[in-house]
PDB file of N, CA and C in Angstrom:
ATOM      1  N   UNK A   1      29.689 115.695 152.586  1.00  0.00           N
ATOM      2  CA  UNK A   1      30.647 114.451 151.349  1.00  0.00           C
ATOM      3  C   UNK A   1      31.680 114.350 151.514  1.00  0.00           C
ATOM      4  N   UNK A   2      32.599 115.134 152.019  1.00  0.00           N
ATOM      5  CA  UNK A   2      34.136 114.223 152.357  1.00  0.00           C
ATOM      6  C   UNK A   2      34.326 113.939 153.597  1.00  0.00           C
ATOM      7  N   UNK A   3      33.544 114.501 154.533  1.00  0.00           N
ATOM      8  CA  UNK A   3      33.222 113.814 155.916  1.00  0.00           C
ATOM      9  C   UNK A   3      33.342 112.740 155.593  1.00  0.00           C
ATOM     10  N   UNK A   4      32.242 112.029 154.497  1.00  0.00           N
ATOM     11  CA  UNK A   4      31.854 110.634 154.394  1.00  0.00           C
ATOM     12  C   UNK A   4      33.057 109.347 153.802  1.00  0.00           C
ATOM     13  N   UNK A   5      33.515 110.768 152.473  1.00  0.00           N
ATOM     14  CA  UNK A   5      34.867 109.826 152.192  1.00  0.00           C
ATOM     15  C   UNK A   5      35.790 109.644 152.680  1.00  0.00           C
ATOM     16  N   UNK A   6      36.470 110.230 153.914  1.00  0.00           N
ATOM     17  CA  UNK A   6      36.999 110.082 154.713  1.00  0.00           C
ATOM     18  C   UNK A   6      37.298 109.113 155.639  1.00  0.00           C
ATOM     19  N   UNK A   7      35.681 108.607 156.099  1.00  0.00           N
ATOM     20  CA  UNK A   7      35.440 107.500 156.866  1.00  0.00           C
ATOM     21  C   UNK A   7      35.648 106.397 156.185  1.00  0.00           C
ATOM     22  N   UNK A   8      35.086 106.744 154.617  1.00  0.00           N
ATOM     23  CA  UNK A   8      35.254 105.422 153.775  1.00  0.00           C
ATOM     24  C   UNK A   8      36.506 104.962 153.715  1.00  0.00           C
ATOM     25  N   UNK A   9      37.929 105.812 153.355  1.00  0.00           N
ATOM     26  CA  UNK A   9      39.068 105.822 153.208  1.00  0.00           C
ATOM     27  C   UNK A   9      39.627 105.068 154.837  1.00  0.00           C
ATOM     28  N   UNK A  10      39.293 106.253 156.019  1.00  0.00           N
ATOM     29  CA  UNK A  10      39.643 105.368 156.882  1.00  0.00           C
ATOM     30  C   UNK A  10      39.692 103.534 157.252  1.00  0.00           C
ATOM     31  N   UNK A  11      38.299 103.260 157.235  1.00  0.00           N
ATOM     32  CA  UNK A  11      37.946 101.848 157.253  1.00  0.00           C
ATOM     33  C   UNK A  11      39.083 100.799 155.951  1.00  0.00           C
ATOM     34  N   UNK A  12      38.808 101.758 154.524  1.00  0.00           N
ATOM     35  CA  UNK A  12      39.505 101.071 153.587  1.00  0.00           C
ATOM     36  C   UNK A  12      40.856 100.388 153.762  1.00  0.00           C
ATOM     37  N   UNK A  13      42.223 101.551 154.604  1.00  0.00           N
ATOM     38  CA  UNK A  13      43.050 101.687 154.873  1.00  0.00           C
ATOM     39  C   UNK A  13      43.457 100.411 156.227  1.00  0.00           C
ATOM     40  N   UNK A  14      42.190 100.267 157.020  1.00  0.00           N
ATOM     41  CA  UNK A  14      42.557  99.782 158.167  1.00  0.00           C
ATOM     42  C   UNK A  14      41.975  98.041 158.290  1.00  0.00           C
ATOM     43  N   UNK A  15      41.755  97.486 156.799  1.00  0.00           N
ATOM     44  CA  UNK A  15      41.352  95.985 156.889  1.00  0.00           C
ATOM     45  C   UNK A  15      39.889  96.069 157.509  1.00  0.00           C
ATOM     46  N   UNK A  16      39.391  94.719 157.776  1.00  0.00           N
ATOM     47  CA  UNK A  16      38.104  94.360 158.486  1.00  0.00           C
ATOM     48  C   UNK A  16      37.608  94.806 159.607  1.00  0.00           C
ATOM     49  N   UNK A  17      36.784  95.397 160.291  1.00  0.00           N
ATOM     50  CA  UNK A  17      36.163  95.577 161.462  1.00  0.00           C
ATOM     51  C   UNK A  17      36.106  94.322 162.132  1.00  0.00           C
ATOM     52  N   UNK A  18      36.909  94.571 163.232  1.00  0.00           N
ATOM     53  CA  UNK A  18      36.898  94.265 164.515  1.00  0.00           C
ATOM     54  C   UNK A  18      36.288  94.327 165.681  1.00  0.00           C
ATOM     55  N   UNK A  19      35.450  93.233 166.963  1.00  0.00           N
ATOM     56  CA  UNK A  19      35.151  93.774 167.790  1.00  0.00           C
ATOM     57  C   UNK A  19      35.973  94.960 168.883  1.00  0.00           C
ATOM     58  N   UNK A  20      35.882  95.791 169.058  1.00  0.00           N
ATOM     59  CA  UNK A  20      36.210  96.533 170.100  1.00  0.00           C
ATOM     60  C   UNK A  20      37.033  97.406 169.190  1.00  0.00           C
ATOM     61  N   UNK A  21      36.946  98.026 167.798  1.00  0.00           N
ATOM     62  CA  UNK A  21      37.020  98.646 167.058  1.00  0.00           C
ATOM     63  C   UNK A  21      36.758  99.407 166.398  1.00  0.00           C
ATOM     64  N   UNK A  22      36.146 100.746 165.909  1.00  0.00           N
ATOM     65  CA  UNK A  22      35.177 101.363 165.531  1.00  0.00           C
ATOM     66  C   UNK A  22      35.191 101.070 163.849  1.00  0.00           C
ATOM     67  N   UNK A  23      34.406 100.975 163.252  1.00  0.00           N
ATOM     68  CA  UNK A  23      34.360 101.324 161.851  1.00  0.00           C
ATOM     69  C   UNK A  23      32.886 101.833 160.956  1.00  0.00           C
ATOM     70  N   UNK A  24      33.123 102.290 159.956  1.00  0.00           N
ATOM     71  CA  UNK A  24      32.007 102.963 159.715  1.00  0.00           C
ATOM     72  C   UNK A  24      30.988 101.908 158.581  1.00  0.00           C
ATOM     73  N   UNK A  25      29.476 102.188 158.614  1.00  0.00           N
ATOM     74  CA  UNK A  25      28.778 101.584 157.826  1.00  0.00           C
ATOM     75  C   UNK A  25      27.906 102.793 157.235  1.00  0.00           C
ATOM     76  N   UNK A  26      28.341 102.432 155.619  1.00  0.00           N
ATOM     77  CA  UNK A  26      27.042 103.759 154.592  1.00  0.00           C
ATOM     78  C   UNK A  26      25.655 103.267 154.996  1.00  0.00           C
ATOM     79  N   UNK A  27      24.712 104.101 154.725  1.00  0.00           N
ATOM     80  CA  UNK A  27      23.218 103.886 154.783  1.00  0.00           C
ATOM     81  C   UNK A  27      22.760 102.784 153.562  1.00  0.00           C
ATOM     82  N   UNK A  28      22.120 101.513 153.537  1.00  0.00           N
ATOM     83  CA  UNK A  28      22.070 101.183 152.426  1.00  0.00           C
ATOM     84  C   UNK A  28      22.826  99.826 152.263  1.00  0.00           C
ATOM     85  N   UNK A  29      23.840  99.865 152.958  1.00  0.00           N
ATOM     86  CA  UNK A  29      24.862  99.039 153.076  1.00  0.00           C
ATOM     87  C   UNK A  29      25.175  97.801 154.224  1.00  0.00           C
ATOM     88  N   UNK A  30      26.533  96.915 154.483  1.00  0.00           N
ATOM     89  CA  UNK A  30      26.470  96.257 155.242  1.00  0.00           C
ATOM     90  C   UNK A  30      27.802  96.274 155.592  1.00  0.00           C
ATOM     91  N   UNK A  31      28.580  95.609 156.520  1.00  0.00           N
ATOM     92  CA  UNK A  31      29.642  95.646 157.229  1.00  0.00           C
ATOM     93  C   UNK A  31      30.006  93.772 158.170  1.00  0.00           C
ATOM     94  N   UNK A  32      31.327  93.267 157.282  1.00  0.00           N
ATOM     95  CA  UNK A  32      30.765  91.910 158.034  1.00  0.00           C
ATOM     96  C   UNK A  32      32.636  92.219 158.616  1.00  0.00           C
ATOM     97  N   UNK A  33      31.757  91.420 159.977  1.00  0.00           N
ATOM     98  CA  UNK A  33      33.003  91.468 160.742  1.00  0.00           C
ATOM     99  C   UNK A  33      33.454  89.527 161.112  1.00  0.00           C
ATOM    100  N   UNK A  34      34.522  89.615 159.940  1.00  0.00           N
ATOM    101  CA  UNK A  34      35.085  88.232 159.942  1.00  0.00           C
ATOM    102  C   UNK A  34      35.744  87.344 160.608  1.00  0.00           C
ATOM    103  N   UNK A  35      36.416  87.702 161.461  1.00  0.00           N
ATOM    104  CA  UNK A  35      36.474  86.854 162.822  1.00  0.00           C
ATOM    105  C   UNK A  35      35.076  86.640 163.942  1.00  0.00           C
ATOM    106  N   UNK A  36      34.091  87.367 163.639  1.00  0.00           N
ATOM    107  CA  UNK A  36      32.994  87.053 164.306  1.00  0.00           C
ATOM    108  C   UNK A  36      31.456  86.515 163.561  1.00  0.00           C
ATOM    109  N   UNK A  37      32.227  86.413 161.999  1.00  0.00           N
ATOM    110  CA  UNK A  37      30.655  85.657 161.523  1.00  0.00           C
ATOM    111  C   UNK A  37      29.474  86.823 161.452  1.00  0.00           C
ATOM    112  N   UNK A  38      30.129  87.608 161.843  1.00  0.00           N
ATOM    113  CA  UNK A  38      28.985  88.547 161.526  1.00  0.00           C
ATOM    114  C   UNK A  38      28.894  89.482 160.543  1.00  0.00           C
ATOM    115  N   UNK A  39      27.522  89.759 160.915  1.00  0.00           N
ATOM    116  CA  UNK A  39      27.212  90.610 159.000  1.00  0.00           C
ATOM    117  C   UNK A  39      26.327  91.636 159.630  1.00  0.00           C
ATOM    118  N   UNK A  40      26.335  92.866 159.740  1.00  0.00           N
ATOM    119  CA  UNK A  40      25.555  93.926 160.054  1.00  0.00           C
ATOM    120  C   UNK A  40      25.154  95.131 158.945  1.00  0.00           C
ATOM    121  N   UNK A  41      24.051  95.393 158.889  1.00  0.00           N
ATOM    122  CA  UNK A  41      23.462  95.618 157.931  1.00  0.00           C
ATOM    123  C   UNK A  41      23.085  97.227 158.733  1.00  0.00           C
ATOM    124  N   UNK A  42      23.187  98.619 157.812  1.00  0.00           N
ATOM    125  CA  UNK A  42      22.327  99.948 157.808  1.00  0.00           C
ATOM    126  C   UNK A  42      21.151 100.097 156.999  1.00  0.00           C
ATOM    127  N   UNK A  43      20.013  99.763 157.535  1.00  0.00           N
ATOM    128  CA  UNK A  43      18.620  99.867 156.631  1.00  0.00           C
ATOM    129  C   UNK A  43      18.517 100.825 156.583  1.00  0.00           C
ATOM    130  N   UNK A  44      17.781 101.751 157.975  1.00  0.00           N
ATOM    131  CA  UNK A  44      17.146 102.803 157.650  1.00  0.00           C
ATOM    132  C   UNK A  44      17.857 103.937 158.704  1.00  0.00           C
ATOM    133  N   UNK A  45      17.370 105.315 158.755  1.00  0.00           N
ATOM    134  CA  UNK A  45      17.543 106.338 159.729  1.00  0.00           C
ATOM    135  C   UNK A  45      16.089 107.338 159.651  1.00  0.00           C
ATOM    136  N   UNK A  46      15.772 107.636 161.182  1.00  0.00           N
ATOM    137  CA  UNK A  46      14.574 108.393 161.035  1.00  0.00           C
ATOM    138  C   UNK A  46      15.468 109.790 162.053  1.00  0.00           C
ATOM    139  N   UNK A  47      15.797 110.871 161.265  1.00  0.00           N
ATOM    140  CA  UNK A  47      16.886 111.697 161.992  1.00  0.00           C
ATOM    141  C   UNK A  47      15.945 112.741 162.366  1.00  0.00           C
ATOM    142  N   UNK A  48      15.732 113.091 163.484  1.00  0.00           N
ATOM    143  CA  UNK A  48      14.835 114.179 163.897  1.00  0.00           C
ATOM    144  C   UNK A  48      16.231 115.121 164.713  1.00  0.00           C
ATOM    145  N   UNK A  49      17.437 114.782 164.885  1.00  0.00           N
ATOM    146  CA  UNK A  49      18.225 115.589 165.690  1.00  0.00           C
ATOM    147  C   UNK A  49      18.450 117.154 165.530  1.00  0.00           C
ATOM    148  N   UNK A  50      18.661 118.081 166.627  1.00  0.00           N
ATOM    149  CA  UNK A  50      18.483 119.086 166.587  1.00  0.00           C
ATOM    150  C   UNK A  50      19.869 119.662 165.144  1.00  0.00           C
ATOM    151  N   UNK A  51      19.473 120.608 164.649  1.00  0.00           N
ATOM    152  CA  UNK A  51      20.587 120.787 163.433  1.00  0.00           C
ATOM    153  C   UNK A  51      21.830 121.561 164.201  1.00  0.00           C
ATOM    154  N   UNK A  52      22.886 121.307 163.629  1.00  0.00           N
ATOM    155  CA  UNK A  52      24.155 122.026 164.441  1.00  0.00           C
ATOM    156  C   UNK A  52      24.140 123.090 164.286  1.00  0.00           C
ATOM    157  N   UNK A  53      24.459 123.783 165.405  1.00  0.00           N
ATOM    158  CA  UNK A  53      24.210 125.333 165.399  1.00  0.00           C
ATOM    159  C   UNK A  53      22.870 125.581 166.220  1.00  0.00           C
ATOM    160  N   UNK A  54      22.201 125.277 165.814  1.00  0.00           N
ATOM    161  CA  UNK A  54      20.686 124.845 166.134  1.00  0.00           C
ATOM    162  C   UNK A  54      20.316 125.733 167.686  1.00  0.00           C
ATOM    163  N   UNK A  55      19.181 126.207 168.001  1.00  0.00           N
ATOM    164  CA  UNK A  55      18.984 126.257 169.364  1.00  0.00           C
ATOM    165  C   UNK A  55      17.439 125.533 169.730  1.00  0.00           C
ATOM    166  N   UNK A  56      17.648 124.132 169.860  1.00  0.00           N
ATOM    167  CA  UNK A  56      16.849 123.251 170.672  1.00  0.00           C
ATOM    168  C   UNK A  56      16.455 122.517 171.826  1.00  0.00           C
ATOM    169  N   UNK A  57      15.044 122.273 172.322  1.00  0.00           N
ATOM    170  CA  UNK A  57      14.988 122.271 173.246  1.00  0.00           C
ATOM    171  C   UNK A  57      15.506 120.948 174.250  1.00  0.00           C
ATOM    172  N   UNK A  58      15.712 120.103 172.996  1.00  0.00           N
ATOM    173  CA  UNK A  58      16.293 118.871 173.213  1.00  0.00           C
ATOM    174  C   UNK A  58      17.632 118.413 172.370  1.00  0.00           C
ATOM    175  N   UNK A  59      18.128 117.232 172.033  1.00  0.00           N
ATOM    176  CA  UNK A  59      19.495 117.326 171.231  1.00  0.00           C
ATOM    177  C   UNK A  59      18.227 116.389 170.375  1.00  0.00           C
ATOM    178  N   UNK A  60      17.318 115.953 169.975  1.00  0.00           N
ATOM    179  CA  UNK A  60      16.259 115.199 169.701  1.00  0.00           C
ATOM    180  C   UNK A  60      16.722 113.723 169.922  1.00  0.00           C
ATOM    181  N   UNK A  61      16.669 113.312 168.501  1.00  0.00           N
ATOM    182  CA  UNK A  61      16.695 111.482 168.200  1.00  0.00           C
ATOM    183  C   UNK A  61      17.097 111.441 166.944  1.00  0.00           C
ATOM    184  N   UNK A  62      17.684 110.082 166.940  1.00  0.00           N
ATOM    185  CA  UNK A  62      18.060 109.696 165.449  1.00  0.00           C
ATOM    186  C   UNK A  62      17.959 108.368 165.543  1.00  0.00           C
ATOM    187  N   UNK A  63      17.022 107.560 165.150  1.00  0.00           N
ATOM    188  CA  UNK A  63      16.757 106.321 165.264  1.00  0.00           C
ATOM    189  C   UNK A  63      16.984 105.079 164.229  1.00  0.00           C
ATOM    190  N   UNK A  64      18.144 104.634 164.023  1.00  0.00           N
ATOM    191  CA  UNK A  64      18.677 103.707 163.135  1.00  0.00           C
ATOM    192  C   UNK A  64      17.856 102.503 163.127  1.00  0.00           C
ATOM    193  N   UNK A  65      17.728 101.780 161.905  1.00  0.00           N
ATOM    194  CA  UNK A  65      17.316 100.230 161.971  1.00  0.00           C
ATOM    195  C   UNK A  65      18.628  99.997 161.731  1.00  0.00           C
ATOM    196  N   UNK A  66      18.794  98.254 161.862  1.00  0.00           N
ATOM    197  CA  UNK A  66      20.197  97.833 161.314  1.00  0.00           C
ATOM    198  C   UNK A  66      19.474  96.591 161.473  1.00  0.00           C
ATOM    199  N   UNK A  67      20.115  95.851 160.777  1.00  0.00           N
ATOM    200  CA  UNK A  67      20.056  94.191 160.858  1.00  0.00           C
ATOM    201  C   UNK A  67      21.378  93.468 160.904  1.00  0.00           C
ATOM    202  N   UNK A  68      20.916  92.677 161.769  1.00  0.00           N
ATOM    203  CA  UNK A  68      22.512  91.598 162.081  1.00  0.00           C
ATOM    204  C   UNK A  68      22.443  89.942 161.461  1.00  0.00           C
ATOM    205  N   UNK A  69      23.128  89.509 161.216  1.00  0.00           N
ATOM    206  CA  UNK A  69      22.867  88.009 161.276  1.00  0.00           C
ATOM    207  C   UNK A  69      24.546  87.572 161.210  1.00  0.00           C
ATOM    208  N   UNK A  70      24.623  86.053 162.060  1.00  0.00           N
ATOM    209  CA  UNK A  70      25.511  85.307 161.907  1.00  0.00           C
ATOM    210  C   UNK A  70      25.360  84.911 160.501  1.00  0.00           C
ATOM    211  N   UNK A  71      26.102  84.579 159.307  1.00  0.00           N
ATOM    212  CA  UNK A  71      25.552  83.825 158.289  1.00  0.00           C
ATOM    213  C   UNK A  71      25.101  82.145 158.263  1.00  0.00           C
ATOM    214  N   UNK A  72      26.447  81.276 159.442  1.00  0.00           N
ATOM    215  CA  UNK A  72      26.427  80.206 160.095  1.00  0.00           C
ATOM    216  C   UNK A  72      25.410  80.160 160.803  1.00  0.00           C
ATOM    217  N   UNK A  73      24.510  80.723 161.233  1.00  0.00           N
ATOM    218  CA  UNK A  73      23.321  80.600 161.879  1.00  0.00           C
ATOM    219  C   UNK A  73      21.709  80.509 161.645  1.00  0.00           C
ATOM    220  N   UNK A  74      21.680  81.320 160.488  1.00  0.00           N
ATOM    221  CA  UNK A  74      20.496  81.702 159.969  1.00  0.00           C
ATOM    222  C   UNK A  74      20.469  82.903 160.145  1.00  0.00           C
ATOM    223  N   UNK A  75      19.001  83.440 159.225  1.00  0.00           N
ATOM    224  CA  UNK A  75      18.397  84.656 158.768  1.00  0.00           C
ATOM    225  C   UNK A  75      18.888  85.944 159.640  1.00  0.00           C
ATOM    226  N   UNK A  76      18.975  87.332 159.100  1.00  0.00           N
ATOM    227  CA  UNK A  76      18.839  88.086 159.857  1.00  0.00           C
ATOM    228  C   UNK A  76      17.975  88.579 160.665  1.00  0.00           C
ATOM    229  N   UNK A  77      18.327  89.259 161.362  1.00  0.00           N
ATOM    230  CA  UNK A  77      17.453  89.923 162.772  1.00  0.00           C
ATOM    231  C   UNK A  77      17.411  91.022 162.735  1.00  0.00           C
ATOM    232  N   UNK A  78      16.283  92.243 162.320  1.00  0.00           N
ATOM    233  CA  UNK A  78      16.405  93.597 162.591  1.00  0.00           C
ATOM    234  C   UNK A  78      16.335  93.959 164.191  1.00  0.00           C
ATOM    235  N   UNK A  79      17.065  95.492 164.297  1.00  0.00           N
ATOM    236  CA  UNK A  79      16.380  95.955 165.414  1.00  0.00           C
ATOM    237  C   UNK A  79      17.051  97.308 165.396  1.00  0.00           C
ATOM    238  N   UNK A  80      16.660  98.063 166.266  1.00  0.00           N
ATOM    239  CA  UNK A  80      16.567  99.542 166.246  1.00  0.00           C
ATOM    240  C   UNK A  80      17.316 100.043 167.443  1.00  0.00           C
ATOM    241  N   UNK A  81      17.846 101.172 167.042  1.00  0.00           N
ATOM    242  CA  UNK A  81      18.278 101.461 168.544  1.00  0.00           C
ATOM    243  C   UNK A  81      18.671 103.908 167.649  1.00  0.00           C
ATOM    244  N   UNK A  82      18.545 104.577 169.460  1.00  0.00           N
ATOM    245  CA  UNK A  82      18.256 105.806 169.176  1.00  0.00           C
ATOM    246  C   UNK A  82      20.191 105.892 169.289  1.00  0.00           C
ATOM    247  N   UNK A  83      20.512 106.722 168.621  1.00  0.00           N
ATOM    248  CA  UNK A  83      22.048 107.216 168.629  1.00  0.00           C
ATOM    249  C   UNK A  83      22.441 108.183 169.443  1.00  0.00           C
ATOM    250  N   UNK A  84      21.764 109.341 169.431  1.00  0.00           N
ATOM    251  CA  UNK A  84      21.630 110.797 170.041  1.00  0.00           C
ATOM    252  C   UNK A  84      21.346 110.156 172.317  1.00  0.00           C
ATOM    253  N   UNK A  85      20.842 108.739 172.336  1.00  0.00           N
ATOM    254  CA  UNK A  85      20.658 108.490 173.864  1.00  0.00           C
ATOM    255  C   UNK A  85      21.934 107.654 173.849  1.00  0.00           C
ATOM    256  N   UNK A  86      22.291 107.286 175.099  1.00  0.00           N
ATOM    257  CA  UNK A  86      23.191 106.347 175.679  1.00  0.00           C
ATOM    258  C   UNK A  86      23.184 105.248 175.587  1.00  0.00           C
ATOM    259  N   UNK A  87      22.022 104.688 175.426  1.00  0.00           N
ATOM    260  CA  UNK A  87      21.313 103.752 175.976  1.00  0.00           C
ATOM    261  C   UNK A  87      21.495 102.397 174.790  1.00  0.00           C
ATOM    262  N   UNK A  88      22.474 101.552 175.089  1.00  0.00           N
ATOM    263  CA  UNK A  88      23.701 100.897 174.187  1.00  0.00           C
ATOM    264  C   UNK A  88      22.570 100.037 173.442  1.00  0.00           C
ATOM    265  N   UNK A  89      22.367  99.680 172.331  1.00  0.00           N
ATOM    266  CA  UNK A  89      21.371  98.326 171.976  1.00  0.00           C
ATOM    267  C   UNK A  89      22.553  97.140 172.291  1.00  0.00           C
ATOM    268  N   UNK A  90      21.774  95.777 172.477  1.00  0.00           N
ATOM    269  CA  UNK A  90      22.172  94.978 172.468  1.00  0.00           C
ATOM    270  C   UNK A  90      21.594  93.993 171.604  1.00  0.00           C
ATOM    271  N   UNK A  91      22.260  92.916 171.100  1.00  0.00           N
ATOM    272  CA  UNK A  91      21.880  92.004 169.749  1.00  0.00           C
ATOM    273  C   UNK A  91      22.687  90.485 169.580  1.00  0.00           C
ATOM    274  N   UNK A  92      21.694  89.549 169.920  1.00  0.00           N
ATOM    275  CA  UNK A  92      23.014  88.244 169.135  1.00  0.00           C
ATOM    276  C   UNK A  92      24.078  88.261 170.370  1.00  0.00           C
ATOM    277  N   UNK A  93      23.882  88.796 171.478  1.00  0.00           N
ATOM    278  CA  UNK A  93      25.361  88.006 171.892  1.00  0.00           C
ATOM    279  C   UNK A  93      26.502  89.749 172.067  1.00  0.00           C
ATOM    280  N   UNK A  94      26.216  90.751 171.314  1.00  0.00           N
ATOM    281  CA  UNK A  94      26.716  91.621 171.097  1.00  0.00           C
ATOM    282  C   UNK A  94      26.462  93.015 171.626  1.00  0.00           C
ATOM    283  N   UNK A  95      27.134  93.928 171.854  1.00  0.00           N
ATOM    284  CA  UNK A  95      26.777  95.438 172.360  1.00  0.00           C
ATOM    285  C   UNK A  95      27.727  96.649 171.838  1.00  0.00           C
ATOM    286  N   UNK A  96      26.589  97.282 171.571  1.00  0.00           N
ATOM    287  CA  UNK A  96      26.999  98.648 170.595  1.00  0.00           C
ATOM    288  C   UNK A  96      27.466  99.661 172.428  1.00  0.00           C
ATOM    289  N   UNK A  97      28.908  99.808 171.773  1.00  0.00           N
ATOM    290  CA  UNK A  97      29.121 100.656 172.909  1.00  0.00           C
ATOM    291  C   UNK A  97      29.612 102.194 172.416  1.00  0.00           C
ATOM    292  N   UNK A  98      29.766 102.216 171.506  1.00  0.00           N
ATOM    293  CA  UNK A  98      29.781 103.273 170.428  1.00  0.00           C
ATOM    294  C   UNK A  98      28.858 103.594 169.634  1.00  0.00           C
ATOM    295  N   UNK A  99      27.860 104.906 169.298  1.00  0.00           N
ATOM    296  CA  UNK A  99      27.680 104.988 168.143  1.00  0.00           C
ATOM    297  C   UNK A  99      27.563 106.481 167.867  1.00  0.00           C
ATOM    298  N   UNK A 100      27.778 107.324 166.306  1.00  0.00           N
ATOM    299  CA  UNK A 100      27.939 108.248 165.686  1.00  0.00           C
ATOM    300  C   UNK A 100      27.180 108.394 164.546  1.00  0.00           C
ATOM    301  N   UNK A 101      26.570 108.869 164.342  1.00  0.00           N
ATOM    302  CA  UNK A 101      25.761 109.422 162.597  1.00  0.00           C
ATOM    303  C   UNK A 101      26.299 110.580 162.254  1.00  0.00           C
ATOM    304  N   UNK A 102      26.714 110.525 160.845  1.00  0.00           N
ATOM    305  CA  UNK A 102      27.266 111.658 160.154  1.00  0.00           C
ATOM    306  C   UNK A 102      26.142 112.938 160.256  1.00  0.00           C
ATOM    307  N   UNK A 103      26.650 114.227 160.304  1.00  0.00           N
ATOM    308  CA  UNK A 103      25.697 115.176 159.998  1.00  0.00           C
ATOM    309  C   UNK A 103      24.578 115.044 158.428  1.00  0.00           C
ATOM    310  N   UNK A 104      24.521 114.195 157.862  1.00  0.00           N
ATOM    311  CA  UNK A 104      23.856 114.155 157.111  1.00  0.00           C
ATOM    312  C   UNK A 104      23.399 112.652 156.913  1.00  0.00           C
ATOM    313  N   UNK A 105      23.488 111.934 158.032  1.00  0.00           N
ATOM    314  CA  UNK A 105      22.522 110.872 158.291  1.00  0.00           C
ATOM    315  C   UNK A 105      23.337 109.306 157.586  1.00  0.00           C
ATOM    316  N   UNK A 106      24.466 109.574 156.741  1.00  0.00           N
ATOM    317  CA  UNK A 106      24.696 108.496 155.838  1.00  0.00           C
ATOM    318  C   UNK A 106      25.903 107.796 156.171  1.00  0.00           C
ATOM    319  N   UNK A 107      26.240 107.944 156.917  1.00  0.00           N
ATOM    320  CA  UNK A 107      27.478 106.872 157.869  1.00  0.00           C
ATOM    321  C   UNK A 107      26.767 107.012 159.414  1.00  0.00           C
ATOM    322  N   UNK A 108      27.541 105.503 159.498  1.00  0.00           N
ATOM    323  CA  UNK A 108      27.164 105.495 161.162  1.00  0.00           C
ATOM    324  C   UNK A 108      28.225 104.774 161.371  1.00  0.00           C
ATOM    325  N   UNK A 109      28.762 105.328 162.315  1.00  0.00           N
ATOM    326  CA  UNK A 109      29.948 104.743 162.712  1.00  0.00           C
ATOM    327  C   UNK A 109      29.555 104.044 164.314  1.00  0.00           C
ATOM    328  N   UNK A 110      30.046 102.720 164.760  1.00  0.00           N
ATOM    329  CA  UNK A 110      30.123 101.903 165.431  1.00  0.00           C
ATOM    330  C   UNK A 110      31.161 100.980 166.439  1.00  0.00           C
ATOM    331  N   UNK A 111      31.290 101.363 167.379  1.00  0.00           N
ATOM    332  CA  UNK A 111      31.908 100.071 167.895  1.00  0.00           C
ATOM    333  C   UNK A 111      31.085  98.574 168.976  1.00  0.00           C
ATOM    334  N   UNK A 112      31.986  97.560 168.572  1.00  0.00           N
ATOM    335  CA  UNK A 112      30.861  96.819 169.066  1.00  0.00           C
ATOM    336  C   UNK A 112      31.604  95.670 170.492  1.00  0.00           C
ATOM    337  N   UNK A 113      30.939  95.603 170.809  1.00  0.00           N
ATOM    338  CA  UNK A 113      31.888  94.453 172.210  1.00  0.00           C
ATOM    339  C   UNK A 113      31.023  92.987 172.378  1.00  0.00           C
ATOM    340  N   UNK A 114      31.541  92.052 173.073  1.00  0.00           N
ATOM    341  CA  UNK A 114      30.408  90.748 173.310  1.00  0.00           C
ATOM    342  C   UNK A 114      29.873  91.515 174.673  1.00  0.00           C
ATOM    343  N   UNK A 115      28.382  91.216 174.192  1.00  0.00           N
ATOM    344  CA  UNK A 115      27.640  91.666 175.702  1.00  0.00           C
ATOM    345  C   UNK A 115      27.728  90.566 177.248  1.00  0.00           C
ATOM    346  N   UNK A 116      27.556  91.562 177.909  1.00  0.00           N
ATOM    347  CA  UNK A 116      28.130  90.564 179.004  1.00  0.00           C
ATOM    348  C   UNK A 116      26.768  89.935 179.705  1.00  0.00           C
ATOM    349  N   UNK A 117      25.169  90.315 178.893  1.00  0.00           N
ATOM    350  CA  UNK A 117      23.730  90.222 179.535  1.00  0.00           C
ATOM    351  C   UNK A 117      23.269  88.419 179.378  1.00  0.00           C
TER     352      UNK A 117
END
C-alpha cells in the first residue's frame, strides 16, 4: 500500500504525464497526456508472476489490458501486453519503452515514446 501511495504522490507533484517521462496508472483508472491528446486506461491484469523471493522455473507473466483513445480522433481501442517480457507494445503511433507492475498489481508504471514503425 505504501508503494502505491508513494507513486501517486510522485505523479501528483510532477504535473501531467508527457512522452518520454515515466508515469503511474492505478488499476481501474486512466491517465491523460494532454500534450498528445492521449488518454490511457488500465483496465485489467492477469498476474502470474513468480512471487518475490519465490523459486520458479520462469519469471511468469503479467498480462495487462489497457485502452487508449485520442478523444479528438475517435473511440477507445483496447490492447494487451506482457509487462514481464521486454516485448514493447505499440499502439496508435506510440510505443511502450518501459513498463513495471507493482507487487500488488494495483499500479502500472509506463514510459511512452512515438513509435518509429
